[in-house]
Amino acid sequence: MLTDIAQATRPALVLTGLMFALTGLAYPAAITGIAQIALPYQANGSLVSRDGQVAGSALIGQSFAGDGYFHGRPSAAGKGYDPTQSSGSNLGPTSKALIDRVTGDVKANPGAPVDMLTTSASGLDPHISPEAAEWQAKRVAAARHIAPSKVYALVDNAVEMPLFGFIGEPRVNVLKLNLALDKAVGKGAQSPR
């Protein structure tokens, strides 16, 4: 009787082991190897370096303090841009908490573009609109004691156009813009990481 059970379950166990080896080990190893060869920057987290040190990822927003840096969108991901807390706020458009927060932000930042007042769906968006970067340019120029035209030129150079010219919208990566700003005019009082 036990031999009958063993013979009946053996094909299932062998197939389970084979599928584990193929889909759990061989396939992920092959895809990782291909990615490391074909797209190493993306496969390793799109890390951005400054002076040989990793300053952050181009895919995850981070907080920048002080008037001498461009600021990203508000984050719904806990305190700052904590990637372990990635999520939206789950507050609907009629939520009193959301209305109070946005109303307070509008009063504190008159004329701010909408993306400077609202969080992204993930709460970790590293991009702002070109309008949001331009809106901050005078503040950054004043804090750094440089001509606004120099800061506006950096913003223009940092604009990433939509993929294939129509997928997405023009955007500015805040980390890359702040690193370009540091490189062009020197580090500000509060430097990223």
N, C-alpha and C. Protein backbone atom coordinates (compact mmCIF):
# COMPACT_ATOMS: atom_id res chain seq x y z
N MET A 1 0.82 -1.20 0.00
CA MET A 1 0.00 0.00 0.00
C MET A 1 0.86 1.26 0.00
N LEU A 2 1.93 1.26 0.84
CA LEU A 2 2.81 2.42 0.88
C LEU A 2 3.54 2.62 -0.44
N THR A 3 3.89 1.54 -1.11
CA THR A 3 4.54 1.68 -2.40
C THR A 3 3.59 2.25 -3.44
N ASP A 4 2.31 1.93 -3.34
CA ASP A 4 1.33 2.50 -4.26
C ASP A 4 1.22 4.01 -4.06
N ILE A 5 1.22 4.47 -2.80
CA ILE A 5 1.13 5.91 -2.48
C ILE A 5 2.40 6.60 -2.97
N ALA A 6 3.55 5.99 -2.73
CA ALA A 6 4.82 6.58 -3.16
C ALA A 6 4.87 6.70 -4.68
N GLN A 7 4.42 5.65 -5.37
CA GLN A 7 4.41 5.70 -6.83
C GLN A 7 3.42 6.75 -7.34
N ALA A 8 2.33 6.94 -6.64
CA ALA A 8 1.33 7.92 -7.07
C ALA A 8 1.80 9.36 -6.82
N THR A 9 2.53 9.58 -5.75
CA THR A 9 2.95 10.95 -5.42
C THR A 9 4.30 11.33 -6.03
N ARG A 10 5.07 10.35 -6.46
CA ARG A 10 6.38 10.66 -7.01
C ARG A 10 6.32 11.61 -8.20
N PRO A 11 5.47 11.43 -9.19
CA PRO A 11 5.43 12.38 -10.31
C PRO A 11 5.09 13.81 -9.85
N ALA A 12 4.20 13.93 -8.88
CA ALA A 12 3.83 15.26 -8.39
C ALA A 12 5.02 15.92 -7.69
N LEU A 13 5.75 15.16 -6.88
CA LEU A 13 6.91 15.70 -6.18
C LEU A 13 8.03 16.06 -7.14
N VAL A 14 8.28 15.21 -8.13
CA VAL A 14 9.32 15.49 -9.12
C VAL A 14 8.95 16.74 -9.93
N LEU A 15 7.70 16.85 -10.33
CA LEU A 15 7.26 18.01 -11.10
C LEU A 15 7.33 19.29 -10.25
N THR A 16 6.97 19.19 -8.99
CA THR A 16 7.07 20.35 -8.09
C THR A 16 8.52 20.78 -7.96
N GLY A 17 9.43 19.86 -7.75
CA GLY A 17 10.86 20.18 -7.65
C GLY A 17 11.40 20.78 -8.93
N LEU A 18 10.99 20.22 -10.07
CA LEU A 18 11.44 20.73 -11.37
C LEU A 18 10.92 22.15 -11.60
N MET A 19 9.65 22.39 -11.31
CA MET A 19 9.08 23.74 -11.49
C MET A 19 9.73 24.74 -10.55
N PHE A 20 10.04 24.32 -9.33
CA PHE A 20 10.75 25.21 -8.39
C PHE A 20 12.12 25.57 -8.96
N ALA A 21 12.84 24.57 -9.46
CA ALA A 21 14.18 24.83 -10.01
C ALA A 21 14.11 25.76 -11.22
N LEU A 22 13.11 25.54 -12.09
CA LEU A 22 12.99 26.37 -13.29
C LEU A 22 12.49 27.78 -12.98
N THR A 23 11.35 27.87 -12.30
CA THR A 23 10.72 29.18 -12.10
C THR A 23 11.24 29.93 -10.87
N GLY A 24 11.79 29.21 -9.91
CA GLY A 24 12.26 29.87 -8.70
C GLY A 24 13.76 30.14 -8.71
N LEU A 25 14.51 29.42 -9.52
CA LEU A 25 15.96 29.59 -9.54
C LEU A 25 16.50 29.96 -10.92
N ALA A 26 16.27 29.11 -11.90
CA ALA A 26 16.88 29.31 -13.22
C ALA A 26 16.35 30.57 -13.92
N TYR A 27 15.04 30.73 -13.97
CA TYR A 27 14.46 31.90 -14.66
C TYR A 27 14.87 33.21 -14.00
N PRO A 28 14.72 33.39 -12.67
CA PRO A 28 15.17 34.66 -12.06
C PRO A 28 16.67 34.90 -12.26
N ALA A 29 17.50 33.86 -12.20
CA ALA A 29 18.93 34.03 -12.40
C ALA A 29 19.23 34.47 -13.84
N ALA A 30 18.53 33.89 -14.79
CA ALA A 30 18.74 34.26 -16.19
C ALA A 30 18.30 35.71 -16.44
N ILE A 31 17.15 36.11 -15.94
CA ILE A 31 16.65 37.48 -16.14
C ILE A 31 17.57 38.48 -15.44
N THR A 32 18.04 38.15 -14.25
CA THR A 32 18.97 39.04 -13.54
C THR A 32 20.27 39.19 -14.33
N GLY A 33 20.79 38.10 -14.86
CA GLY A 33 22.01 38.16 -15.66
C GLY A 33 21.83 39.00 -16.92
N ILE A 34 20.72 38.80 -17.61
CA ILE A 34 20.44 39.58 -18.82
C ILE A 34 20.31 41.06 -18.48
N ALA A 35 19.61 41.37 -17.39
CA ALA A 35 19.43 42.76 -16.98
C ALA A 35 20.76 43.41 -16.61
N GLN A 36 21.63 42.66 -15.93
CA GLN A 36 22.94 43.21 -15.56
C GLN A 36 23.80 43.52 -16.79
N ILE A 37 23.62 42.75 -17.83
CA ILE A 37 24.38 42.99 -19.06
C ILE A 37 23.73 44.08 -19.91
N ALA A 38 22.42 43.99 -20.11
CA ALA A 38 21.74 44.92 -21.01
C ALA A 38 21.43 46.28 -20.38
N LEU A 39 21.03 46.31 -19.13
CA LEU A 39 20.60 47.56 -18.48
C LEU A 39 21.15 47.64 -17.05
N PRO A 40 22.45 47.70 -16.86
CA PRO A 40 23.00 47.65 -15.50
C PRO A 40 22.57 48.82 -14.61
N TYR A 41 22.46 50.03 -15.16
CA TYR A 41 22.03 51.19 -14.36
C TYR A 41 20.64 50.96 -13.78
N GLN A 42 19.69 50.55 -14.61
CA GLN A 42 18.32 50.30 -14.16
C GLN A 42 18.24 49.07 -13.26
N ALA A 43 18.98 48.03 -13.58
CA ALA A 43 18.92 46.79 -12.80
C ALA A 43 19.45 46.97 -11.39
N ASN A 44 20.30 47.97 -11.19
CA ASN A 44 20.88 48.21 -9.87
C ASN A 44 20.22 49.36 -9.14
N GLY A 45 19.01 49.75 -9.54
CA GLY A 45 18.25 50.74 -8.79
C GLY A 45 18.36 52.16 -9.27
N SER A 46 18.93 52.41 -10.44
CA SER A 46 19.07 53.75 -10.99
C SER A 46 19.72 54.69 -9.98
N LEU A 47 20.83 54.25 -9.42
CA LEU A 47 21.52 55.02 -8.39
C LEU A 47 22.28 56.19 -9.01
N VAL A 48 22.19 57.34 -8.35
CA VAL A 48 22.86 58.55 -8.81
C VAL A 48 23.99 58.85 -7.83
N SER A 49 25.19 59.08 -8.36
CA SER A 49 26.36 59.30 -7.51
C SER A 49 26.84 60.74 -7.58
N ARG A 50 27.47 61.17 -6.49
CA ARG A 50 28.14 62.47 -6.44
C ARG A 50 29.46 62.25 -5.73
N ASP A 51 30.54 62.64 -6.36
CA ASP A 51 31.88 62.50 -5.79
C ASP A 51 32.15 61.05 -5.38
N GLY A 52 31.70 60.09 -6.18
CA GLY A 52 31.94 58.68 -5.91
C GLY A 52 31.04 58.08 -4.83
N GLN A 53 30.15 58.86 -4.26
CA GLN A 53 29.22 58.37 -3.23
C GLN A 53 27.81 58.36 -3.80
N VAL A 54 27.04 57.36 -3.43
CA VAL A 54 25.64 57.30 -3.87
C VAL A 54 24.86 58.40 -3.15
N ALA A 55 24.22 59.27 -3.93
CA ALA A 55 23.43 60.37 -3.37
C ALA A 55 21.96 59.99 -3.27
N GLY A 56 21.55 58.97 -3.99
CA GLY A 56 20.16 58.53 -3.97
C GLY A 56 19.81 57.79 -5.23
N SER A 57 18.56 57.47 -5.38
CA SER A 57 18.05 56.80 -6.56
C SER A 57 17.23 57.79 -7.38
N ALA A 58 17.36 57.71 -8.68
CA ALA A 58 16.57 58.57 -9.56
C ALA A 58 15.10 58.18 -9.55
N LEU A 59 14.77 57.05 -8.89
CA LEU A 59 13.40 56.55 -8.90
C LEU A 59 12.63 56.86 -7.62
N ILE A 60 13.33 57.33 -6.57
CA ILE A 60 12.68 57.56 -5.28
C ILE A 60 12.97 58.99 -4.84
N GLY A 61 11.92 59.74 -4.56
CA GLY A 61 12.10 61.10 -4.09
C GLY A 61 12.76 61.12 -2.73
N GLN A 62 13.33 62.27 -2.40
CA GLN A 62 13.91 62.43 -1.07
C GLN A 62 13.75 63.87 -0.63
N SER A 63 13.84 64.08 0.66
CA SER A 63 13.65 65.41 1.22
C SER A 63 14.90 66.24 1.05
N PHE A 64 14.72 67.50 0.69
CA PHE A 64 15.80 68.46 0.64
C PHE A 64 15.39 69.61 1.54
N ALA A 65 16.27 69.98 2.44
CA ALA A 65 15.97 71.04 3.40
C ALA A 65 16.61 72.34 2.95
N GLY A 66 16.01 73.43 3.33
CA GLY A 66 16.59 74.74 3.08
C GLY A 66 16.12 75.36 1.78
N ASP A 67 16.27 76.67 1.73
CA ASP A 67 15.84 77.42 0.55
C ASP A 67 16.80 77.29 -0.62
N GLY A 68 18.00 76.78 -0.39
CA GLY A 68 19.00 76.66 -1.44
C GLY A 68 18.85 75.43 -2.31
N TYR A 69 17.80 74.65 -2.07
CA TYR A 69 17.54 73.45 -2.87
C TYR A 69 16.11 73.45 -3.38
N PHE A 70 15.92 72.76 -4.50
CA PHE A 70 14.57 72.53 -5.01
C PHE A 70 13.93 71.46 -4.14
N HIS A 71 12.66 71.61 -3.89
CA HIS A 71 11.92 70.65 -3.07
C HIS A 71 11.00 69.83 -3.96
N GLY A 72 10.80 68.58 -3.58
CA GLY A 72 9.91 67.70 -4.32
C GLY A 72 8.47 67.83 -3.85
N ARG A 73 7.64 66.98 -4.38
CA ARG A 73 6.23 66.95 -3.98
C ARG A 73 6.11 66.52 -2.53
N PRO A 74 5.01 66.90 -1.87
CA PRO A 74 4.78 66.37 -0.52
C PRO A 74 4.72 64.84 -0.58
N SER A 75 5.20 64.19 0.45
CA SER A 75 5.22 62.74 0.47
C SER A 75 4.13 62.20 1.39
N ALA A 76 3.42 61.20 0.90
CA ALA A 76 2.43 60.51 1.72
C ALA A 76 3.05 59.29 2.37
N ALA A 77 4.35 59.09 2.14
CA ALA A 77 5.04 57.89 2.62
C ALA A 77 5.69 58.14 3.97
N GLY A 78 4.87 58.24 4.98
CA GLY A 78 5.40 58.42 6.33
C GLY A 78 6.16 59.72 6.47
N LYS A 79 7.16 59.73 7.29
CA LYS A 79 7.99 60.92 7.52
C LYS A 79 9.01 61.00 6.39
N GLY A 80 8.96 62.04 5.60
CA GLY A 80 9.88 62.18 4.49
C GLY A 80 9.52 61.25 3.36
N TYR A 81 10.52 60.71 2.70
CA TYR A 81 10.31 59.81 1.57
C TYR A 81 10.78 58.41 1.94
N ASP A 82 10.18 57.82 2.95
CA ASP A 82 10.57 56.51 3.43
C ASP A 82 10.05 55.44 2.45
N PRO A 83 10.95 54.78 1.69
CA PRO A 83 10.49 53.81 0.70
C PRO A 83 9.80 52.60 1.30
N THR A 84 10.01 52.34 2.59
CA THR A 84 9.32 51.21 3.21
C THR A 84 7.86 51.55 3.51
N GLN A 85 7.50 52.81 3.38
CA GLN A 85 6.13 53.25 3.66
C GLN A 85 5.41 53.67 2.38
N SER A 86 5.85 53.16 1.23
CA SER A 86 5.28 53.57 -0.04
C SER A 86 3.79 53.29 -0.11
N SER A 87 3.05 54.35 -0.26
CA SER A 87 1.60 54.24 -0.45
C SER A 87 1.04 55.63 -0.59
N GLY A 88 -0.15 55.70 -1.11
CA GLY A 88 -0.84 56.98 -1.14
C GLY A 88 -1.45 57.24 0.23
N SER A 89 -2.04 58.39 0.37
CA SER A 89 -2.63 58.73 1.66
C SER A 89 -3.99 58.05 1.86
N ASN A 90 -4.56 57.56 0.78
CA ASN A 90 -5.89 56.95 0.79
C ASN A 90 -6.98 57.92 1.24
N LEU A 91 -6.70 59.21 1.15
CA LEU A 91 -7.71 60.21 1.46
C LEU A 91 -8.43 60.59 0.18
N GLY A 92 -9.76 60.47 0.19
CA GLY A 92 -10.56 60.80 -0.98
C GLY A 92 -10.72 62.30 -1.16
N PRO A 93 -11.22 62.73 -2.31
CA PRO A 93 -11.35 64.16 -2.59
C PRO A 93 -12.30 64.89 -1.64
N THR A 94 -13.15 64.17 -0.93
CA THR A 94 -14.05 64.84 0.02
C THR A 94 -13.56 64.70 1.46
N SER A 95 -12.37 64.15 1.66
CA SER A 95 -11.82 63.96 3.00
C SER A 95 -11.48 65.30 3.64
N LYS A 96 -11.99 65.54 4.84
CA LYS A 96 -11.70 66.79 5.54
C LYS A 96 -10.21 66.93 5.82
N ALA A 97 -9.55 65.84 6.19
CA ALA A 97 -8.11 65.89 6.47
C ALA A 97 -7.32 66.32 5.24
N LEU A 98 -7.69 65.79 4.08
CA LEU A 98 -7.01 66.16 2.83
C LEU A 98 -7.30 67.62 2.48
N ILE A 99 -8.55 68.01 2.58
CA ILE A 99 -8.92 69.40 2.27
C ILE A 99 -8.19 70.37 3.19
N ASP A 100 -8.11 70.05 4.49
CA ASP A 100 -7.42 70.92 5.44
C ASP A 100 -5.92 71.00 5.13
N ARG A 101 -5.30 69.86 4.79
CA ARG A 101 -3.87 69.87 4.49
C ARG A 101 -3.57 70.69 3.24
N VAL A 102 -4.33 70.45 2.16
CA VAL A 102 -4.09 71.17 0.91
C VAL A 102 -4.41 72.66 1.08
N THR A 103 -5.49 72.98 1.80
CA THR A 103 -5.83 74.39 2.04
C THR A 103 -4.71 75.08 2.80
N GLY A 104 -4.16 74.42 3.80
CA GLY A 104 -3.03 74.98 4.55
C GLY A 104 -1.82 75.18 3.68
N ASP A 105 -1.54 74.21 2.80
CA ASP A 105 -0.40 74.32 1.89
C ASP A 105 -0.60 75.45 0.89
N VAL A 106 -1.83 75.64 0.41
CA VAL A 106 -2.12 76.72 -0.53
C VAL A 106 -1.88 78.07 0.14
N LYS A 107 -2.34 78.21 1.40
CA LYS A 107 -2.13 79.47 2.12
C LYS A 107 -0.65 79.73 2.39
N ALA A 108 0.10 78.68 2.70
CA ALA A 108 1.53 78.83 2.99
C ALA A 108 2.37 79.03 1.73
N ASN A 109 1.85 78.59 0.58
CA ASN A 109 2.60 78.67 -0.69
C ASN A 109 1.73 79.25 -1.79
N PRO A 110 1.37 80.53 -1.71
CA PRO A 110 0.48 81.10 -2.72
C PRO A 110 1.10 81.01 -4.12
N GLY A 111 0.28 80.63 -5.06
CA GLY A 111 0.72 80.52 -6.45
C GLY A 111 1.46 79.25 -6.78
N ALA A 112 1.56 78.31 -5.83
CA ALA A 112 2.29 77.07 -6.08
C ALA A 112 1.56 76.21 -7.11
N PRO A 113 2.31 75.59 -8.02
CA PRO A 113 1.68 74.64 -8.95
C PRO A 113 1.06 73.48 -8.17
N VAL A 114 0.08 72.85 -8.76
CA VAL A 114 -0.69 71.82 -8.06
C VAL A 114 0.18 70.66 -7.59
N ASP A 115 1.25 70.32 -8.34
CA ASP A 115 2.06 69.18 -7.91
C ASP A 115 2.92 69.51 -6.68
N MET A 116 3.00 70.76 -6.30
CA MET A 116 3.70 71.11 -5.06
C MET A 116 2.76 71.08 -3.86
N LEU A 117 1.49 70.85 -4.13
CA LEU A 117 0.48 70.84 -3.07
C LEU A 117 -0.14 69.47 -2.84
N THR A 118 0.03 68.57 -3.80
CA THR A 118 -0.60 67.25 -3.72
C THR A 118 0.46 66.15 -3.76
N THR A 119 0.18 65.05 -3.07
CA THR A 119 1.11 63.93 -3.07
C THR A 119 0.88 63.06 -4.30
N SER A 120 1.90 62.29 -4.65
CA SER A 120 1.75 61.34 -5.75
C SER A 120 1.09 60.08 -5.23
N ALA A 121 0.70 59.20 -6.13
CA ALA A 121 0.02 57.97 -5.73
C ALA A 121 0.90 57.09 -4.85
N SER A 122 2.20 57.03 -5.16
CA SER A 122 3.11 56.20 -4.35
C SER A 122 3.63 56.94 -3.13
N GLY A 123 3.58 58.25 -3.17
CA GLY A 123 4.17 59.05 -2.10
C GLY A 123 5.67 59.19 -2.22
N LEU A 124 6.26 58.64 -3.29
CA LEU A 124 7.71 58.64 -3.45
C LEU A 124 8.16 59.24 -4.78
N ASP A 125 7.30 59.98 -5.45
CA ASP A 125 7.60 60.51 -6.77
C ASP A 125 8.84 61.40 -6.74
N PRO A 126 9.86 61.09 -7.55
CA PRO A 126 11.08 61.90 -7.55
C PRO A 126 11.00 63.10 -8.49
N HIS A 127 9.89 63.25 -9.19
CA HIS A 127 9.77 64.29 -10.21
C HIS A 127 8.78 65.39 -9.80
N ILE A 128 9.03 66.58 -10.35
CA ILE A 128 8.08 67.68 -10.29
C ILE A 128 7.91 68.19 -11.71
N SER A 129 6.90 69.00 -11.93
CA SER A 129 6.71 69.58 -13.25
C SER A 129 7.73 70.68 -13.49
N PRO A 130 8.03 71.00 -14.75
CA PRO A 130 8.91 72.14 -15.03
C PRO A 130 8.39 73.43 -14.41
N GLU A 131 7.07 73.58 -14.38
CA GLU A 131 6.46 74.77 -13.77
C GLU A 131 6.78 74.84 -12.27
N ALA A 132 6.75 73.70 -11.60
CA ALA A 132 7.06 73.66 -10.16
C ALA A 132 8.52 74.00 -9.92
N ALA A 133 9.41 73.55 -10.81
CA ALA A 133 10.83 73.89 -10.67
C ALA A 133 11.04 75.38 -10.92
N GLU A 134 10.40 75.91 -11.96
CA GLU A 134 10.53 77.34 -12.25
C GLU A 134 9.95 78.19 -11.12
N TRP A 135 8.87 77.73 -10.51
CA TRP A 135 8.26 78.45 -9.39
C TRP A 135 9.23 78.57 -8.21
N GLN A 136 10.10 77.59 -8.04
CA GLN A 136 11.07 77.59 -6.94
C GLN A 136 12.39 78.27 -7.28
N ALA A 137 12.61 78.56 -8.56
CA ALA A 137 13.93 79.03 -9.02
C ALA A 137 14.36 80.33 -8.34
N LYS A 138 13.46 81.30 -8.18
CA LYS A 138 13.85 82.58 -7.57
C LYS A 138 14.28 82.38 -6.12
N ARG A 139 13.57 81.53 -5.39
CA ARG A 139 13.92 81.26 -4.00
C ARG A 139 15.32 80.63 -3.92
N VAL A 140 15.57 79.65 -4.79
CA VAL A 140 16.86 78.97 -4.80
C VAL A 140 17.97 79.96 -5.17
N ALA A 141 17.75 80.80 -6.18
CA ALA A 141 18.74 81.78 -6.61
C ALA A 141 19.05 82.76 -5.49
N ALA A 142 18.02 83.23 -4.80
CA ALA A 142 18.23 84.18 -3.70
C ALA A 142 19.01 83.53 -2.56
N ALA A 143 18.70 82.29 -2.23
CA ALA A 143 19.39 81.60 -1.14
C ALA A 143 20.85 81.32 -1.49
N ARG A 144 21.13 81.10 -2.77
CA ARG A 144 22.49 80.79 -3.22
C ARG A 144 23.26 82.05 -3.65
N HIS A 145 22.58 83.19 -3.67
CA HIS A 145 23.18 84.47 -4.07
C HIS A 145 23.75 84.39 -5.49
N ILE A 146 22.92 83.88 -6.40
CA ILE A 146 23.31 83.81 -7.81
C ILE A 146 22.18 84.38 -8.65
N ALA A 147 22.48 84.66 -9.90
CA ALA A 147 21.49 85.22 -10.81
C ALA A 147 20.39 84.19 -11.08
N PRO A 148 19.13 84.62 -11.03
CA PRO A 148 18.04 83.68 -11.35
C PRO A 148 18.18 83.05 -12.73
N SER A 149 18.76 83.77 -13.68
CA SER A 149 18.90 83.23 -15.04
C SER A 149 19.75 81.95 -15.04
N LYS A 150 20.75 81.89 -14.14
CA LYS A 150 21.58 80.69 -14.05
C LYS A 150 20.76 79.50 -13.55
N VAL A 151 19.89 79.75 -12.58
CA VAL A 151 19.04 78.68 -12.03
C VAL A 151 18.00 78.25 -13.07
N TYR A 152 17.40 79.22 -13.78
CA TYR A 152 16.43 78.89 -14.82
C TYR A 152 17.08 78.04 -15.92
N ALA A 153 18.34 78.34 -16.25
CA ALA A 153 19.05 77.55 -17.27
C ALA A 153 19.24 76.11 -16.79
N LEU A 154 19.57 75.93 -15.50
CA LEU A 154 19.70 74.57 -14.96
C LEU A 154 18.37 73.83 -15.02
N VAL A 155 17.28 74.52 -14.71
CA VAL A 155 15.96 73.90 -14.78
C VAL A 155 15.66 73.47 -16.22
N ASP A 156 15.93 74.36 -17.18
CA ASP A 156 15.67 74.02 -18.59
C ASP A 156 16.47 72.79 -19.03
N ASN A 157 17.71 72.70 -18.56
CA ASN A 157 18.55 71.55 -18.92
C ASN A 157 18.10 70.26 -18.24
N ALA A 158 17.39 70.38 -17.12
CA ALA A 158 16.98 69.20 -16.36
C ALA A 158 15.63 68.63 -16.80
N VAL A 159 14.93 69.32 -17.69
CA VAL A 159 13.61 68.84 -18.11
C VAL A 159 13.75 67.56 -18.93
N GLU A 160 13.06 66.52 -18.48
CA GLU A 160 13.01 65.24 -19.19
C GLU A 160 11.72 65.21 -20.00
N MET A 161 11.84 64.99 -21.28
CA MET A 161 10.67 65.01 -22.16
C MET A 161 9.93 63.66 -22.11
N PRO A 162 8.66 63.66 -22.52
CA PRO A 162 7.89 62.40 -22.51
C PRO A 162 8.56 61.33 -23.37
N LEU A 163 8.39 60.09 -22.94
CA LEU A 163 8.92 58.94 -23.67
C LEU A 163 8.31 58.89 -25.06
N PHE A 164 9.13 58.79 -26.08
CA PHE A 164 8.70 58.76 -27.49
C PHE A 164 7.92 60.02 -27.87
N GLY A 165 8.04 61.06 -27.06
CA GLY A 165 7.38 62.33 -27.37
C GLY A 165 5.92 62.42 -26.97
N PHE A 166 5.33 61.32 -26.48
CA PHE A 166 3.90 61.39 -26.14
C PHE A 166 3.49 60.57 -24.91
N ILE A 167 4.38 59.76 -24.35
CA ILE A 167 4.03 58.96 -23.18
C ILE A 167 4.51 59.70 -21.93
N GLY A 168 3.56 60.19 -21.15
CA GLY A 168 3.88 60.96 -19.95
C GLY A 168 3.89 62.45 -20.23
N GLU A 169 4.47 63.19 -19.31
CA GLU A 169 4.54 64.64 -19.42
C GLU A 169 5.97 65.08 -19.18
N PRO A 170 6.32 66.30 -19.60
CA PRO A 170 7.64 66.81 -19.25
C PRO A 170 7.78 66.84 -17.73
N ARG A 171 8.97 66.52 -17.22
CA ARG A 171 9.16 66.44 -15.78
C ARG A 171 10.61 66.76 -15.44
N VAL A 172 10.85 67.05 -14.16
CA VAL A 172 12.19 67.35 -13.68
C VAL A 172 12.47 66.44 -12.49
N ASN A 173 13.59 65.72 -12.54
CA ASN A 173 13.99 64.88 -11.42
C ASN A 173 14.68 65.79 -10.40
N VAL A 174 14.10 65.89 -9.20
CA VAL A 174 14.58 66.83 -8.18
C VAL A 174 16.00 66.50 -7.73
N LEU A 175 16.30 65.23 -7.51
CA LEU A 175 17.65 64.85 -7.09
C LEU A 175 18.68 65.26 -8.13
N LYS A 176 18.44 64.94 -9.38
CA LYS A 176 19.39 65.27 -10.44
C LYS A 176 19.54 66.79 -10.59
N LEU A 177 18.43 67.53 -10.47
CA LEU A 177 18.49 68.99 -10.56
C LEU A 177 19.31 69.56 -9.41
N ASN A 178 19.10 69.09 -8.19
CA ASN A 178 19.86 69.60 -7.06
C ASN A 178 21.35 69.25 -7.16
N LEU A 179 21.67 68.08 -7.68
CA LEU A 179 23.08 67.72 -7.86
C LEU A 179 23.72 68.58 -8.95
N ALA A 180 22.97 68.87 -10.01
CA ALA A 180 23.47 69.77 -11.06
C ALA A 180 23.67 71.18 -10.50
N LEU A 181 22.77 71.61 -9.63
CA LEU A 181 22.88 72.91 -8.98
C LEU A 181 24.14 72.97 -8.12
N ASP A 182 24.38 71.94 -7.31
CA ASP A 182 25.59 71.88 -6.49
C ASP A 182 26.85 71.92 -7.35
N LYS A 183 26.82 71.17 -8.45
CA LYS A 183 27.99 71.11 -9.33
C LYS A 183 28.25 72.46 -10.00
N ALA A 184 27.18 73.15 -10.39
CA ALA A 184 27.33 74.42 -11.11
C ALA A 184 27.71 75.58 -10.20
N VAL A 185 27.16 75.63 -8.99
CA VAL A 185 27.38 76.81 -8.14
C VAL A 185 27.90 76.49 -6.76
N GLY A 186 28.24 75.26 -6.49
CA GLY A 186 28.73 74.90 -5.16
C GLY A 186 27.62 74.36 -4.30
N LYS A 187 28.00 73.59 -3.31
CA LYS A 187 27.02 72.96 -2.43
C LYS A 187 26.36 74.00 -1.55
N GLY A 188 25.07 73.79 -1.32
CA GLY A 188 24.32 74.68 -0.44
C GLY A 188 24.55 74.33 1.01
N ALA A 189 23.90 75.05 1.89
CA ALA A 189 24.07 74.83 3.32
C ALA A 189 23.58 73.45 3.74
N GLN A 190 22.50 73.00 3.13
CA GLN A 190 21.96 71.68 3.45
C GLN A 190 22.06 70.81 2.21
N SER A 191 22.99 69.90 2.23
CA SER A 191 23.26 69.07 1.07
C SER A 191 22.50 67.76 1.16
N PRO A 192 22.11 67.19 -0.01
CA PRO A 192 21.45 65.89 0.04
C PRO A 192 22.42 64.83 0.52
N ARG A 193 21.93 64.01 1.43
CA ARG A 193 22.69 62.89 2.01
C ARG A 193 24.13 63.24 2.13
